[in-house]
Amino acid sequence: MCTLIALHRCFSEAPLMIAANRDEYLDRPAAAPEVFSVGARNVMAPRDLRAGGTWLGVNDAGLFAALTNRPTRHPHPARRSRGLVVTDALGEAGAQEAAEVLERLPARAYNPFNLFLGDGRSAFAVIYEDKPRIEELAPGAHVIGNADPNSQRVPKVAGLLGEAERVVSGRLEDAMDALAQVCRVHDAGEGPLDDTCIHADGYGTRSSTLLRLGGRREERALLFADGPPCKTAYEDLTPLLGELDRKAGLVREVA
């Protein structure tokens, strides 16, 4: 039941802003964000220690990718881990290139998922149910959950879209704090799974990520809460974005 809010080209100084809550079984092991290589690219992402993939990340070309699972009555245990689609996407140079690669995913290779791709220039949603379907996303606020992206028929998604649009109507300097507040919401619906920050029996919001990618390096920010954001402080991991630049040779090491 992961939740992703993407502000795509809503602010000129920050063409991509992300707020993402990862909801997962509490006993599934995971590692905090770090920088590692995927093919010829360097990637910053947390890791799922059970299947080896990730749920979100950004690469040294400025491409961000994130996945949410779609519900299925009978998930096929032999299919490839959906988290590996994220690392595959982050091996590409941009959102357009990644979308073209994912459009060629084989049928019935994965259990259903939604995948967001964005690089500050273009953004796409990949909806996979037995085979991929690609939607290009217009500039604006988008919510990717466990149904179709931006579905007004899902109360949780519709409510989060309203909250995201309120963030967009405000000031850029207030946006990260406002997105953090959205990620902490409880009592939004009839049960715990309707909340943005989920607390259920053996399951819940395991971490929360806030990301701002700007045209200039000093305008970028990465905050990560390694636990439910209602009671876990966000840690400033922005230096990891600088590490991406150094590994890519975009900045020089200072002696």
Protein backbone atom coordinates (compact mmCIF):
# COMPACT_ATOMS: atom_id res chain seq x y z
CA MET A 1 0.00 0.00 0.00
CA CYS A 2 2.87 2.39 -0.73
CA THR A 3 2.07 6.02 -1.52
CA LEU A 4 3.95 8.34 -3.87
CA ILE A 5 3.26 12.04 -4.40
CA ALA A 6 5.10 13.60 -7.36
CA LEU A 7 5.13 17.33 -8.11
CA HIS A 8 6.17 17.36 -11.75
CA ARG A 9 7.30 20.77 -13.05
CA CYS A 10 5.15 22.58 -10.50
CA PHE A 11 8.01 24.84 -9.32
CA SER A 12 10.53 26.27 -11.78
CA GLU A 13 13.38 26.08 -9.24
CA ALA A 14 12.53 22.46 -8.35
CA PRO A 15 11.07 20.69 -11.38
CA LEU A 16 10.62 17.42 -9.49
CA MET A 17 9.58 16.98 -5.87
CA ILE A 18 8.72 13.64 -4.29
CA ALA A 19 7.07 12.49 -1.08
CA ALA A 20 6.94 8.71 -0.67
CA ASN A 21 5.85 6.40 2.13
CA ARG A 22 6.94 2.78 1.94
CA ASP A 23 4.36 0.41 3.43
CA GLU A 24 5.55 -3.14 4.00
CA TYR A 25 5.48 -6.09 6.38
CA LEU A 26 7.45 -5.15 9.48
CA ASP A 27 9.65 -8.24 9.37
CA ARG A 28 10.91 -7.68 5.80
CA PRO A 29 14.56 -6.57 6.04
CA ALA A 30 15.76 -3.44 4.28
CA ALA A 31 18.87 -1.25 4.14
CA ALA A 32 18.99 2.54 4.29
CA PRO A 33 19.80 4.59 1.16
CA GLU A 34 23.31 4.29 -0.23
CA VAL A 35 25.17 4.86 -3.50
CA PHE A 36 25.94 1.86 -5.72
CA SER A 37 26.39 1.04 -9.39
CA VAL A 38 23.80 -0.24 -11.87
CA GLY A 39 25.55 -0.98 -15.13
CA ALA A 40 27.26 2.21 -16.28
CA ARG A 41 25.21 4.42 -13.94
CA ASN A 42 25.55 5.28 -10.26
CA VAL A 43 22.37 5.08 -8.22
CA MET A 44 21.26 6.28 -4.79
CA ALA A 45 18.58 4.04 -3.31
CA PRO A 46 17.59 1.99 -0.28
CA ARG A 47 17.56 -1.78 -0.73
CA ASP A 48 15.19 -4.63 -0.11
CA LEU A 49 17.43 -7.25 1.51
CA ARG A 50 15.10 -10.14 0.73
CA ALA A 51 14.77 -9.86 -3.06
CA GLY A 52 17.65 -7.47 -3.81
CA GLY A 53 15.73 -4.65 -5.49
CA THR A 54 14.44 -1.32 -4.23
CA TRP A 55 11.22 0.66 -4.11
CA LEU A 56 12.70 4.01 -5.20
CA GLY A 57 15.92 5.69 -6.19
CA VAL A 58 17.64 8.39 -8.24
CA ASN A 59 20.61 8.04 -10.59
CA ASP A 60 23.53 10.27 -11.57
CA ALA A 61 21.62 11.54 -14.61
CA GLY A 62 18.83 12.91 -12.40
CA LEU A 63 16.32 10.16 -13.19
CA PHE A 64 14.00 9.22 -10.32
CA ALA A 65 12.04 5.96 -10.30
CA ALA A 66 9.63 4.54 -7.72
CA LEU A 67 7.34 1.53 -7.57
CA THR A 68 4.06 0.75 -5.84
CA ASN A 69 2.44 -2.69 -5.88
CA ARG A 70 -0.98 -3.21 -7.41
CA PRO A 71 -3.22 -5.67 -5.57
CA THR A 72 -3.59 -9.19 -6.87
CA ARG A 73 -5.52 -12.11 -5.40
CA HIS A 74 -2.90 -14.68 -6.31
CA PRO A 75 0.64 -13.28 -6.64
CA HIS A 76 2.84 -15.67 -8.56
CA PRO A 77 5.86 -16.59 -6.39
CA ALA A 78 8.08 -17.53 -9.35
CA ARG A 79 7.84 -14.17 -11.11
CA ARG A 80 10.78 -11.74 -11.00
CA SER A 81 10.83 -9.32 -8.08
CA ARG A 82 9.10 -6.04 -8.89
CA GLY A 83 11.79 -4.12 -7.02
CA LEU A 84 14.30 -5.12 -9.67
CA VAL A 85 12.31 -3.12 -12.25
CA VAL A 86 13.33 0.04 -10.37
CA THR A 87 17.04 -0.75 -10.55
CA ASP A 88 16.64 -1.69 -14.21
CA ALA A 89 14.99 1.68 -14.92
CA LEU A 90 17.72 3.56 -13.06
CA GLY A 91 20.28 2.16 -15.47
CA GLU A 92 18.85 4.49 -18.13
CA ALA A 93 19.78 8.08 -18.97
CA GLY A 94 16.35 9.68 -18.49
CA ALA A 95 12.62 9.17 -18.07
CA GLN A 96 11.92 8.92 -21.80
CA GLU A 97 14.62 6.28 -22.30
CA ALA A 98 13.47 4.28 -19.27
CA ALA A 99 9.84 4.38 -20.41
CA GLU A 100 10.82 3.04 -23.82
CA VAL A 101 12.73 0.17 -22.21
CA LEU A 102 9.91 -0.70 -19.81
CA GLU A 103 7.34 -0.62 -22.61
CA ARG A 104 9.09 -3.74 -23.89
CA LEU A 105 8.78 -5.70 -20.64
CA PRO A 106 7.63 -9.25 -21.36
CA ALA A 107 4.08 -10.30 -20.55
CA ARG A 108 3.37 -12.07 -17.26
CA ALA A 109 6.94 -11.64 -16.03
CA TYR A 110 5.97 -9.67 -12.89
CA ASN A 111 3.12 -9.42 -10.46
CA PRO A 112 1.12 -6.18 -10.98
CA PHE A 113 2.74 -2.83 -10.19
CA ASN A 114 2.76 0.90 -10.89
CA LEU A 115 6.06 2.64 -11.63
CA PHE A 116 6.72 6.39 -11.72
CA LEU A 117 9.56 7.82 -13.80
CA GLY A 118 10.59 11.48 -13.72
CA ASP A 119 13.68 13.57 -14.45
CA GLY A 120 12.37 17.15 -14.20
CA ARG A 121 11.76 17.29 -17.94
CA SER A 122 9.28 14.48 -18.54
CA ALA A 123 7.39 12.01 -16.37
CA PHE A 124 5.67 8.70 -17.03
CA ALA A 125 3.58 6.13 -15.23
CA VAL A 126 4.09 2.48 -16.12
CA ILE A 127 1.04 0.38 -15.25
CA TYR A 128 1.81 -3.34 -15.37
CA GLU A 129 -0.96 -5.90 -15.26
CA ASP A 130 0.30 -8.93 -17.20
CA LYS A 131 1.87 -6.47 -19.66
CA PRO A 132 3.03 -2.82 -19.48
CA ARG A 133 0.97 0.24 -20.32
CA ILE A 134 2.74 3.62 -20.46
CA GLU A 135 1.11 6.99 -19.65
CA GLU A 136 2.96 10.27 -20.07
CA LEU A 137 2.12 12.61 -17.19
CA ALA A 138 1.39 16.29 -17.71
CA PRO A 139 3.02 18.92 -15.47
CA GLY A 140 1.22 19.03 -12.14
CA ALA A 141 0.62 17.06 -8.95
CA HIS A 142 0.33 13.28 -9.27
CA VAL A 143 -0.43 10.50 -6.78
CA ILE A 144 0.69 6.95 -7.49
CA GLY A 145 -0.82 4.39 -5.15
CA ASN A 146 -2.12 0.87 -5.64
CA ALA A 147 -4.82 1.61 -8.20
CA ASP A 148 -4.52 3.56 -11.44
CA PRO A 149 -2.45 6.75 -11.07
CA ASN A 150 -4.50 9.77 -9.94
CA SER A 151 -7.68 7.69 -9.70
CA GLN A 152 -10.48 9.86 -8.29
CA ARG A 153 -12.46 6.68 -7.60
CA VAL A 154 -10.08 5.78 -4.78
CA PRO A 155 -10.81 8.06 -1.78
CA LYS A 156 -7.26 7.90 -0.45
CA VAL A 157 -5.78 8.91 -3.80
CA ALA A 158 -8.37 11.64 -4.36
CA GLY A 159 -7.70 13.09 -0.90
CA LEU A 160 -3.93 13.05 -1.40
CA LEU A 161 -4.32 14.77 -4.77
CA GLY A 162 -6.16 17.59 -3.02
CA GLU A 163 -3.39 17.85 -0.42
CA ALA A 164 -0.71 17.84 -3.11
CA GLU A 165 -2.46 20.59 -5.05
CA ARG A 166 -2.58 22.69 -1.88
CA VAL A 167 1.19 22.25 -1.54
CA VAL A 168 1.64 23.39 -5.15
CA SER A 169 -0.45 26.51 -4.51
CA GLY A 170 1.92 27.56 -1.73
CA ARG A 171 5.55 28.65 -1.65
CA LEU A 172 8.45 26.43 -2.68
CA GLU A 173 10.27 27.10 0.58
CA ASP A 174 7.30 25.63 2.49
CA ALA A 175 6.74 22.63 0.22
CA MET A 176 9.04 20.06 1.88
CA ASP A 177 7.56 20.68 5.32
CA ALA A 178 4.05 20.54 3.88
CA LEU A 179 4.76 17.23 2.14
CA ALA A 180 6.18 15.83 5.37
CA GLN A 181 2.93 16.70 7.13
CA VAL A 182 0.94 14.87 4.45
CA CYS A 183 3.13 11.79 4.94
CA ARG A 184 2.25 11.74 8.68
CA VAL A 185 -1.57 11.73 8.29
CA HIS A 186 -3.67 9.33 10.39
CA ASP A 187 -7.43 8.85 10.68
CA ALA A 188 -8.00 9.69 7.03
CA GLY A 189 -10.53 6.94 6.36
CA GLU A 190 -12.42 3.97 7.72
CA GLY A 191 -9.39 1.81 8.54
CA PRO A 192 -5.60 1.97 8.99
CA LEU A 193 -4.92 1.21 5.32
CA ASP A 194 -6.75 4.42 4.37
CA ASP A 195 -4.17 6.46 6.29
CA THR A 196 -1.07 7.89 4.66
CA CYS A 197 1.02 6.74 7.63
CA ILE A 198 -0.14 3.18 8.25
CA HIS A 199 -0.06 1.24 11.52
CA ALA A 200 -1.59 -2.23 11.21
CA ASP A 201 -0.95 -5.65 12.70
CA GLY A 202 2.50 -6.71 11.46
CA TYR A 203 2.35 -4.21 8.61
CA GLY A 204 2.76 -0.47 8.21
CA THR A 205 4.75 2.50 7.00
CA ARG A 206 8.37 1.43 7.25
CA SER A 207 10.04 4.58 5.92
CA SER A 208 9.37 7.93 4.27
CA THR A 209 11.39 9.84 1.67
CA LEU A 210 11.27 13.51 0.65
CA LEU A 211 13.25 14.51 -2.44
CA ARG A 212 13.73 17.82 -4.21
CA LEU A 213 15.59 17.86 -7.52
CA GLY A 214 16.40 21.31 -8.85
CA GLY A 215 18.18 22.79 -11.80
CA ARG A 216 21.14 23.64 -9.56
CA ARG A 217 22.91 21.30 -7.13
CA GLU A 218 22.43 23.62 -4.17
CA GLU A 219 18.65 23.48 -4.65
CA ARG A 220 18.47 19.70 -4.20
CA ALA A 221 17.48 17.99 -0.97
CA LEU A 222 16.98 14.43 0.29
CA LEU A 223 15.32 13.65 3.62
CA PHE A 224 14.74 10.09 4.86
CA ALA A 225 12.81 8.80 7.90
CA ASP A 226 13.81 5.23 8.72
CA GLY A 227 10.47 4.45 10.33
CA PRO A 228 6.92 5.83 10.34
CA PRO A 229 7.22 9.61 9.84
CA CYS A 230 4.63 10.32 12.53
CA LYS A 231 7.25 9.40 15.14
CA THR A 232 10.55 9.17 13.24
CA ALA A 233 12.52 12.31 12.44
CA TYR A 234 13.64 12.89 8.86
CA GLU A 235 17.41 12.66 8.49
CA ASP A 236 19.17 14.93 5.99
CA LEU A 237 20.80 12.62 3.44
CA THR A 238 21.42 15.33 0.83
CA PRO A 239 25.19 14.55 0.87
CA LEU A 240 24.34 11.28 -0.89
CA LEU A 241 23.28 13.32 -3.92
CA GLY A 242 26.71 14.94 -3.87
CA GLU A 243 28.29 11.49 -3.71
CA LEU A 244 26.39 10.60 -6.88
CA ASP A 245 27.95 13.63 -8.59
CA ARG A 246 31.45 12.74 -7.42
CA LYS A 247 31.20 9.16 -8.64
CA ALA A 248 29.95 10.40 -11.99
CA GLY A 249 32.85 12.88 -12.21
CA LEU A 250 30.50 15.87 -12.20
CA VAL A 251 32.36 17.56 -9.34
CA ARG A 252 35.99 17.41 -8.26
CA GLU A 253 37.14 16.04 -4.95
CA VAL A 254 38.55 18.72 -2.65
CA ALA A 255 41.91 17.77 -1.11
